[in-house]
């Protein structure tokens, strides 16, 4: 399974969010349809950033490995 660089993805999403904010400011006089599309894209980027941040938090926590004998002691005690 390929390794995904979550930090790189988060960096890309931050840059994309900045670009969308700039576009919203630049095209503020455009049609409501275009502004709605840019706003939707911005919300999706924020959602993706939230998902990536959650994954980063769960992957950074060390996972304890239990030996099979530890489980046997608990089961038979």
PDB file of N, CA and C in Angstrom:
ATOM      1  N   UNK A   1       0.845  -1.173   0.000  1.00  0.00           N
ATOM      2  CA  UNK A   1       0.000   0.000   0.000  1.00  0.00           C
ATOM      3  C   UNK A   1       0.896   1.244   0.000  1.00  0.00           C
ATOM      4  N   UNK A   2       0.642   2.189  -0.871  1.00  0.00           N
ATOM      5  CA  UNK A   2       1.509   3.377  -0.952  1.00  0.00           C
ATOM      6  C   UNK A   2       1.365   4.267   0.282  1.00  0.00           C
ATOM      7  N   UNK A   3       2.464   4.921   0.623  1.00  0.00           N
ATOM      8  CA  UNK A   3       2.462   5.847   1.742  1.00  0.00           C
ATOM      9  C   UNK A   3       2.036   7.219   1.238  1.00  0.00           C
ATOM     10  N   UNK A   4       1.129   7.851   1.982  1.00  0.00           N
ATOM     11  CA  UNK A   4       0.622   9.164   1.599  1.00  0.00           C
ATOM     12  C   UNK A   4       1.230  10.202   2.532  1.00  0.00           C
ATOM     13  N   UNK A   5       1.777  11.257   1.953  1.00  0.00           N
ATOM     14  CA  UNK A   5       2.353  12.333   2.735  1.00  0.00           C
ATOM     15  C   UNK A   5       1.243  13.319   3.097  1.00  0.00           C
ATOM     16  N   UNK A   6       0.699  13.179   4.306  1.00  0.00           N
ATOM     17  CA  UNK A   6      -0.416  14.008   4.730  1.00  0.00           C
ATOM     18  C   UNK A   6      -0.002  15.463   4.922  1.00  0.00           C
ATOM     19  N   UNK A   7       1.227  15.695   5.333  1.00  0.00           N
ATOM     20  CA  UNK A   7       1.700  17.070   5.488  1.00  0.00           C
ATOM     21  C   UNK A   7       1.709  17.794   4.147  1.00  0.00           C
ATOM     22  N   UNK A   8       2.128  17.090   3.108  1.00  0.00           N
ATOM     23  CA  UNK A   8       2.150  17.670   1.771  1.00  0.00           C
ATOM     24  C   UNK A   8       0.729  17.966   1.283  1.00  0.00           C
ATOM     25  N   UNK A   9      -0.179  17.065   1.557  1.00  0.00           N
ATOM     26  CA  UNK A   9      -1.574  17.286   1.170  1.00  0.00           C
ATOM     27  C   UNK A   9      -2.154  18.496   1.900  1.00  0.00           C
ATOM     28  N   UNK A  10      -1.842  18.623   3.184  1.00  0.00           N
ATOM     29  CA  UNK A  10      -2.341  19.750   3.967  1.00  0.00           C
ATOM     30  C   UNK A  10      -1.763  21.066   3.444  1.00  0.00           C
ATOM     31  N   UNK A  11      -0.506  21.047   3.067  1.00  0.00           N
ATOM     32  CA  UNK A  11       0.124  22.245   2.500  1.00  0.00           C
ATOM     33  C   UNK A  11      -0.577  22.647   1.202  1.00  0.00           C
ATOM     34  N   UNK A  12      -0.845  21.669   0.354  1.00  0.00           N
ATOM     35  CA  UNK A  12      -1.547  21.939  -0.901  1.00  0.00           C
ATOM     36  C   UNK A  12      -2.935  22.515  -0.635  1.00  0.00           C
ATOM     37  N   UNK A  13      -3.649  21.944   0.324  1.00  0.00           N
ATOM     38  CA  UNK A  13      -4.991  22.431   0.636  1.00  0.00           C
ATOM     39  C   UNK A  13      -4.962  23.852   1.191  1.00  0.00           C
ATOM     40  N   UNK A  14      -3.947  24.170   1.977  1.00  0.00           N
ATOM     41  CA  UNK A  14      -3.809  25.542   2.488  1.00  0.00           C
ATOM     42  C   UNK A  14      -3.609  26.527   1.336  1.00  0.00           C
ATOM     43  N   UNK A  15      -2.762  26.160   0.381  1.00  0.00           N
ATOM     44  CA  UNK A  15      -2.525  27.017  -0.773  1.00  0.00           C
ATOM     45  C   UNK A  15      -3.784  27.155  -1.629  1.00  0.00           C
ATOM     46  N   UNK A  16      -4.513  26.071  -1.771  1.00  0.00           N
ATOM     47  CA  UNK A  16      -5.752  26.098  -2.540  1.00  0.00           C
ATOM     48  C   UNK A  16      -6.797  26.968  -1.851  1.00  0.00           C
ATOM     49  N   UNK A  17      -6.863  26.897  -0.549  1.00  0.00           N
ATOM     50  CA  UNK A  17      -7.804  27.725   0.205  1.00  0.00           C
ATOM     51  C   UNK A  17      -7.473  29.212   0.036  1.00  0.00           C
ATOM     52  N   UNK A  18      -6.203  29.545   0.061  1.00  0.00           N
ATOM     53  CA  UNK A  18      -5.781  30.926  -0.145  1.00  0.00           C
ATOM     54  C   UNK A  18      -6.149  31.395  -1.553  1.00  0.00           C
ATOM     55  N   UNK A  19      -5.921  30.551  -2.533  1.00  0.00           N
ATOM     56  CA  UNK A  19      -6.253  30.902  -3.916  1.00  0.00           C
ATOM     57  C   UNK A  19      -7.757  31.097  -4.089  1.00  0.00           C
ATOM     58  N   UNK A  20      -8.548  30.265  -3.443  1.00  0.00           N
ATOM     59  CA  UNK A  20      -9.994  30.417  -3.545  1.00  0.00           C
ATOM     60  C   UNK A  20     -10.468  31.700  -2.871  1.00  0.00           C
ATOM     61  N   UNK A  21      -9.867  32.046  -1.742  1.00  0.00           N
ATOM     62  CA  UNK A  21     -10.221  33.298  -1.068  1.00  0.00           C
ATOM     63  C   UNK A  21      -9.879  34.491  -1.958  1.00  0.00           C
ATOM     64  N   UNK A  22      -8.734  34.444  -2.617  1.00  0.00           N
ATOM     65  CA  UNK A  22      -8.357  35.502  -3.559  1.00  0.00           C
ATOM     66  C   UNK A  22      -9.347  35.581  -4.726  1.00  0.00           C
ATOM     67  N   UNK A  23      -9.732  34.428  -5.232  1.00  0.00           N
ATOM     68  CA  UNK A  23     -10.671  34.390  -6.353  1.00  0.00           C
ATOM     69  C   UNK A  23     -12.028  34.952  -5.941  1.00  0.00           C
ATOM     70  N   UNK A  24     -12.465  34.646  -4.736  1.00  0.00           N
ATOM     71  CA  UNK A  24     -13.737  35.193  -4.269  1.00  0.00           C
ATOM     72  C   UNK A  24     -13.690  36.716  -4.198  1.00  0.00           C
ATOM     73  N   UNK A  25     -12.558  37.244  -3.753  1.00  0.00           N
ATOM     74  CA  UNK A  25     -12.406  38.693  -3.709  1.00  0.00           C
ATOM     75  C   UNK A  25     -12.326  39.306  -5.097  1.00  0.00           C
ATOM     76  N   UNK A  26     -11.615  38.649  -5.980  1.00  0.00           N
ATOM     77  CA  UNK A  26     -11.415  39.165  -7.332  1.00  0.00           C
ATOM     78  C   UNK A  26     -12.706  39.134  -8.147  1.00  0.00           C
ATOM     79  N   UNK A  27     -13.503  38.081  -7.965  1.00  0.00           N
ATOM     80  CA  UNK A  27     -14.710  37.915  -8.764  1.00  0.00           C
ATOM     81  C   UNK A  27     -15.980  38.263  -7.984  1.00  0.00           C
ATOM     82  N   UNK A  28     -15.870  39.142  -7.020  1.00  0.00           N
ATOM     83  CA  UNK A  28     -17.028  39.482  -6.185  1.00  0.00           C
ATOM     84  C   UNK A  28     -18.167  40.119  -6.995  1.00  0.00           C
ATOM     85  N   UNK A  29     -17.855  40.697  -8.122  1.00  0.00           N
ATOM     86  CA  UNK A  29     -18.877  41.315  -8.959  1.00  0.00           C
ATOM     87  C   UNK A  29     -19.481  40.381  -9.990  1.00  0.00           C
ATOM     88  N   UNK A  30     -19.053  39.142 -10.001  1.00  0.00           N
ATOM     89  CA  UNK A  30     -19.541  38.175 -10.997  1.00  0.00           C
ATOM     90  C   UNK A  30     -20.932  37.658 -10.612  1.00  0.00           C
ATOM     91  N   UNK A  31     -21.421  36.748 -11.414  1.00  0.00           N
ATOM     92  CA  UNK A  31     -22.758  36.191 -11.188  1.00  0.00           C
ATOM     93  C   UNK A  31     -22.793  35.372  -9.897  1.00  0.00           C
ATOM     94  N   UNK A  32     -23.995  35.237  -9.367  1.00  0.00           N
ATOM     95  CA  UNK A  32     -24.182  34.472  -8.134  1.00  0.00           C
ATOM     96  C   UNK A  32     -23.788  33.010  -8.318  1.00  0.00           C
ATOM     97  N   UNK A  33     -23.966  32.510  -9.536  1.00  0.00           N
ATOM     98  CA  UNK A  33     -23.628  31.108  -9.815  1.00  0.00           C
ATOM     99  C   UNK A  33     -22.126  30.869  -9.663  1.00  0.00           C
ATOM    100  N   UNK A  34     -21.313  31.765 -10.189  1.00  0.00           N
ATOM    101  CA  UNK A  34     -19.860  31.624 -10.081  1.00  0.00           C
ATOM    102  C   UNK A  34     -19.415  31.750  -8.624  1.00  0.00           C
ATOM    103  N   UNK A  35     -19.982  32.699  -7.913  1.00  0.00           N
ATOM    104  CA  UNK A  35     -19.624  32.889  -6.505  1.00  0.00           C
ATOM    105  C   UNK A  35     -20.047  31.685  -5.663  1.00  0.00           C
ATOM    106  N   UNK A  36     -21.203  31.133  -5.976  1.00  0.00           N
ATOM    107  CA  UNK A  36     -21.672  29.950  -5.254  1.00  0.00           C
ATOM    108  C   UNK A  36     -20.738  28.769  -5.495  1.00  0.00           C
ATOM    109  N   UNK A  37     -20.258  28.637  -6.727  1.00  0.00           N
ATOM    110  CA  UNK A  37     -19.326  27.549  -7.050  1.00  0.00           C
ATOM    111  C   UNK A  37     -18.006  27.711  -6.296  1.00  0.00           C
ATOM    112  N   UNK A  38     -17.486  28.934  -6.253  1.00  0.00           N
ATOM    113  CA  UNK A  38     -16.244  29.188  -5.517  1.00  0.00           C
ATOM    114  C   UNK A  38     -16.436  28.952  -4.017  1.00  0.00           C
ATOM    115  N   UNK A  39     -17.578  29.366  -3.491  1.00  0.00           N
ATOM    116  CA  UNK A  39     -17.867  29.152  -2.070  1.00  0.00           C
ATOM    117  C   UNK A  39     -17.975  27.663  -1.760  1.00  0.00           C
ATOM    118  N   UNK A  40     -18.621  26.912  -2.654  1.00  0.00           N
ATOM    119  CA  UNK A  40     -18.727  25.465  -2.476  1.00  0.00           C
ATOM    120  C   UNK A  40     -17.348  24.819  -2.469  1.00  0.00           C
ATOM    121  N   UNK A  41     -16.496  25.231  -3.406  1.00  0.00           N
ATOM    122  CA  UNK A  41     -15.140  24.684  -3.467  1.00  0.00           C
ATOM    123  C   UNK A  41     -14.378  25.007  -2.184  1.00  0.00           C
ATOM    124  N   UNK A  42     -14.556  26.206  -1.677  1.00  0.00           N
ATOM    125  CA  UNK A  42     -13.881  26.603  -0.442  1.00  0.00           C
ATOM    126  C   UNK A  42     -14.340  25.737   0.730  1.00  0.00           C
ATOM    127  N   UNK A  43     -15.629  25.440   0.813  1.00  0.00           N
ATOM    128  CA  UNK A  43     -16.156  24.580   1.886  1.00  0.00           C
ATOM    129  C   UNK A  43     -15.592  23.161   1.764  1.00  0.00           C
ATOM    130  N   UNK A  44     -15.474  22.676   0.536  1.00  0.00           N
ATOM    131  CA  UNK A  44     -14.922  21.332   0.333  1.00  0.00           C
ATOM    132  C   UNK A  44     -13.446  21.269   0.736  1.00  0.00           C
ATOM    133  N   UNK A  45     -12.705  22.326   0.468  1.00  0.00           N
ATOM    134  CA  UNK A  45     -11.299  22.381   0.876  1.00  0.00           C
ATOM    135  C   UNK A  45     -11.209  22.380   2.400  1.00  0.00           C
ATOM    136  N   UNK A  46     -12.071  23.125   3.048  1.00  0.00           N
ATOM    137  CA  UNK A  46     -12.076  23.150   4.518  1.00  0.00           C
ATOM    138  C   UNK A  46     -12.413  21.781   5.084  1.00  0.00           C
ATOM    139  N   UNK A  47     -13.367  21.081   4.457  1.00  0.00           N
ATOM    140  CA  UNK A  47     -13.720  19.732   4.901  1.00  0.00           C
ATOM    141  C   UNK A  47     -12.542  18.775   4.715  1.00  0.00           C
ATOM    142  N   UNK A  48     -11.868  18.885   3.581  1.00  0.00           N
ATOM    143  CA  UNK A  48     -10.718  18.024   3.320  1.00  0.00           C
ATOM    144  C   UNK A  48      -9.589  18.305   4.313  1.00  0.00           C
ATOM    145  N   UNK A  49      -9.377  19.577   4.644  1.00  0.00           N
ATOM    146  CA  UNK A  49      -8.353  19.921   5.637  1.00  0.00           C
ATOM    147  C   UNK A  49      -8.686  19.317   6.994  1.00  0.00           C
ATOM    148  N   UNK A  50      -9.953  19.323   7.350  1.00  0.00           N
ATOM    149  CA  UNK A  50     -10.377  18.730   8.624  1.00  0.00           C
ATOM    150  C   UNK A  50     -10.091  17.224   8.643  1.00  0.00           C
ATOM    151  N   UNK A  51     -10.398  16.562   7.535  1.00  0.00           N
ATOM    152  CA  UNK A  51     -10.165  15.113   7.442  1.00  0.00           C
ATOM    153  C   UNK A  51      -8.670  14.802   7.545  1.00  0.00           C
ATOM    154  N   UNK A  52      -7.855  15.552   6.829  1.00  0.00           N
ATOM    155  CA  UNK A  52      -6.401  15.334   6.853  1.00  0.00           C
ATOM    156  C   UNK A  52      -5.854  15.602   8.249  1.00  0.00           C
ATOM    157  N   UNK A  53      -6.327  16.659   8.900  1.00  0.00           N
ATOM    158  CA  UNK A  53      -5.857  16.982  10.251  1.00  0.00           C
ATOM    159  C   UNK A  53      -6.198  15.863  11.228  1.00  0.00           C
ATOM    160  N   UNK A  54      -7.399  15.304  11.098  1.00  0.00           N
ATOM    161  CA  UNK A  54      -7.783  14.188  11.967  1.00  0.00           C
ATOM    162  C   UNK A  54      -6.890  12.976  11.729  1.00  0.00           C
ATOM    163  N   UNK A  55      -6.580  12.705  10.478  1.00  0.00           N
ATOM    164  CA  UNK A  55      -5.698  11.572  10.159  1.00  0.00           C
ATOM    165  C   UNK A  55      -4.299  11.793  10.716  1.00  0.00           C
ATOM    166  N   UNK A  56      -3.818  13.024  10.631  1.00  0.00           N
ATOM    167  CA  UNK A  56      -2.491  13.339  11.177  1.00  0.00           C
ATOM    168  C   UNK A  56      -2.465  13.095  12.687  1.00  0.00           C
ATOM    169  N   UNK A  57      -3.520  13.488  13.372  1.00  0.00           N
ATOM    170  CA  UNK A  57      -3.582  13.299  14.819  1.00  0.00           C
ATOM    171  C   UNK A  57      -3.587  11.817  15.192  1.00  0.00           C
ATOM    172  N   UNK A  58      -4.348  11.009  14.458  1.00  0.00           N
ATOM    173  CA  UNK A  58      -4.428   9.593  14.801  1.00  0.00           C
ATOM    174  C   UNK A  58      -3.149   8.855  14.433  1.00  0.00           C
ATOM    175  N   UNK A  59      -2.470   9.275  13.361  1.00  0.00           N
ATOM    176  CA  UNK A  59      -1.243   8.592  12.965  1.00  0.00           C
ATOM    177  C   UNK A  59      -0.059   8.973  13.831  1.00  0.00           C
ATOM    178  N   UNK A  60      -0.087  10.143  14.438  1.00  0.00           N
ATOM    179  CA  UNK A  60       1.031  10.574  15.264  1.00  0.00           C
ATOM    180  C   UNK A  60       1.041   9.888  16.624  1.00  0.00           C
ATOM    181  N   UNK A  61      -0.114   9.394  17.063  1.00  0.00           N
ATOM    182  CA  UNK A  61      -0.171   8.719  18.344  1.00  0.00           C
ATOM    183  C   UNK A  61       0.467   7.331  18.213  1.00  0.00           C
ATOM    184  N   UNK A  62       1.387   7.017  19.086  1.00  0.00           N
ATOM    185  CA  UNK A  62       2.000   5.681  18.999  1.00  0.00           C
ATOM    186  C   UNK A  62       0.975   4.619  19.370  1.00  0.00           C
ATOM    187  N   UNK A  63       1.035   3.553  18.648  1.00  0.00           N
ATOM    188  CA  UNK A  63       0.115   2.445  18.925  1.00  0.00           C
ATOM    189  C   UNK A  63       0.858   1.373  19.695  1.00  0.00           C
ATOM    190  N   UNK A  64       0.293   0.955  20.784  1.00  0.00           N
ATOM    191  CA  UNK A  64       0.929  -0.054  21.604  1.00  0.00           C
ATOM    192  C   UNK A  64       0.667  -1.429  21.012  1.00  0.00           C
ATOM    193  N   UNK A  65       1.693  -2.198  20.932  1.00  0.00           N
ATOM    194  CA  UNK A  65       1.591  -3.560  20.437  1.00  0.00           C
ATOM    195  C   UNK A  65       1.538  -4.513  21.622  1.00  0.00           C
ATOM    196  N   UNK A  66       0.534  -5.351  21.663  1.00  0.00           N
ATOM    197  CA  UNK A  66       0.396  -6.328  22.745  1.00  0.00           C
ATOM    198  C   UNK A  66       0.799  -7.699  22.239  1.00  0.00           C
ATOM    199  N   UNK A  67       1.535  -8.378  23.073  1.00  0.00           N
ATOM    200  CA  UNK A  67       1.899  -9.748  22.716  1.00  0.00           C
ATOM    201  C   UNK A  67       0.705 -10.652  22.962  1.00  0.00           C
ATOM    202  N   UNK A  68       0.670 -11.749  22.252  1.00  0.00           N
ATOM    203  CA  UNK A  68      -0.430 -12.688  22.387  1.00  0.00           C
ATOM    204  C   UNK A  68      -0.481 -13.262  23.802  1.00  0.00           C
ATOM    205  N   UNK A  69       0.678 -13.429  24.445  1.00  0.00           N
ATOM    206  CA  UNK A  69       0.701 -13.983  25.806  1.00  0.00           C
ATOM    207  C   UNK A  69       0.036 -13.038  26.801  1.00  0.00           C
ATOM    208  N   UNK A  70       0.087 -11.717  26.568  1.00  0.00           N
ATOM    209  CA  UNK A  70      -0.593 -10.771  27.443  1.00  0.00           C
ATOM    210  C   UNK A  70      -2.095 -11.007  27.429  1.00  0.00           C
ATOM    211  N   UNK A  71      -2.640 -11.312  26.275  1.00  0.00           N
ATOM    212  CA  UNK A  71      -4.065 -11.572  26.171  1.00  0.00           C
ATOM    213  C   UNK A  71      -4.422 -12.892  26.839  1.00  0.00           C
ATOM    214  N   UNK A  72      -3.575 -13.863  26.736  1.00  0.00           N
ATOM    215  CA  UNK A  72      -3.862 -15.160  27.329  1.00  0.00           C
ATOM    216  C   UNK A  72      -3.923 -15.062  28.842  1.00  0.00           C
ATOM    217  N   UNK A  73      -3.038 -14.273  29.455  1.00  0.00           N
ATOM    218  CA  UNK A  73      -3.056 -14.116  30.909  1.00  0.00           C
ATOM    219  C   UNK A  73      -4.366 -13.497  31.372  1.00  0.00           C
ATOM    220  N   UNK A  74      -4.849 -12.520  30.625  1.00  0.00           N
ATOM    221  CA  UNK A  74      -6.087 -11.865  30.996  1.00  0.00           C
ATOM    222  C   UNK A  74      -7.256 -12.826  30.816  1.00  0.00           C
ATOM    223  N   UNK A  75      -7.244 -13.591  29.751  1.00  0.00           N
ATOM    224  CA  UNK A  75      -8.341 -14.476  29.448  1.00  0.00           C
ATOM    225  C   UNK A  75      -8.438 -15.636  30.429  1.00  0.00           C
ATOM    226  N   UNK A  76      -7.303 -16.110  30.952  1.00  0.00           N
ATOM    227  CA  UNK A  76      -7.320 -17.285  31.810  1.00  0.00           C
ATOM    228  C   UNK A  76      -7.191 -16.971  33.277  1.00  0.00           C
ATOM    229  N   UNK A  77      -7.074 -15.714  33.638  1.00  0.00           N
ATOM    230  CA  UNK A  77      -6.903 -15.381  35.055  1.00  0.00           C
ATOM    231  C   UNK A  77      -8.165 -15.542  35.837  1.00  0.00           C
TER     232      UNK A  77
END
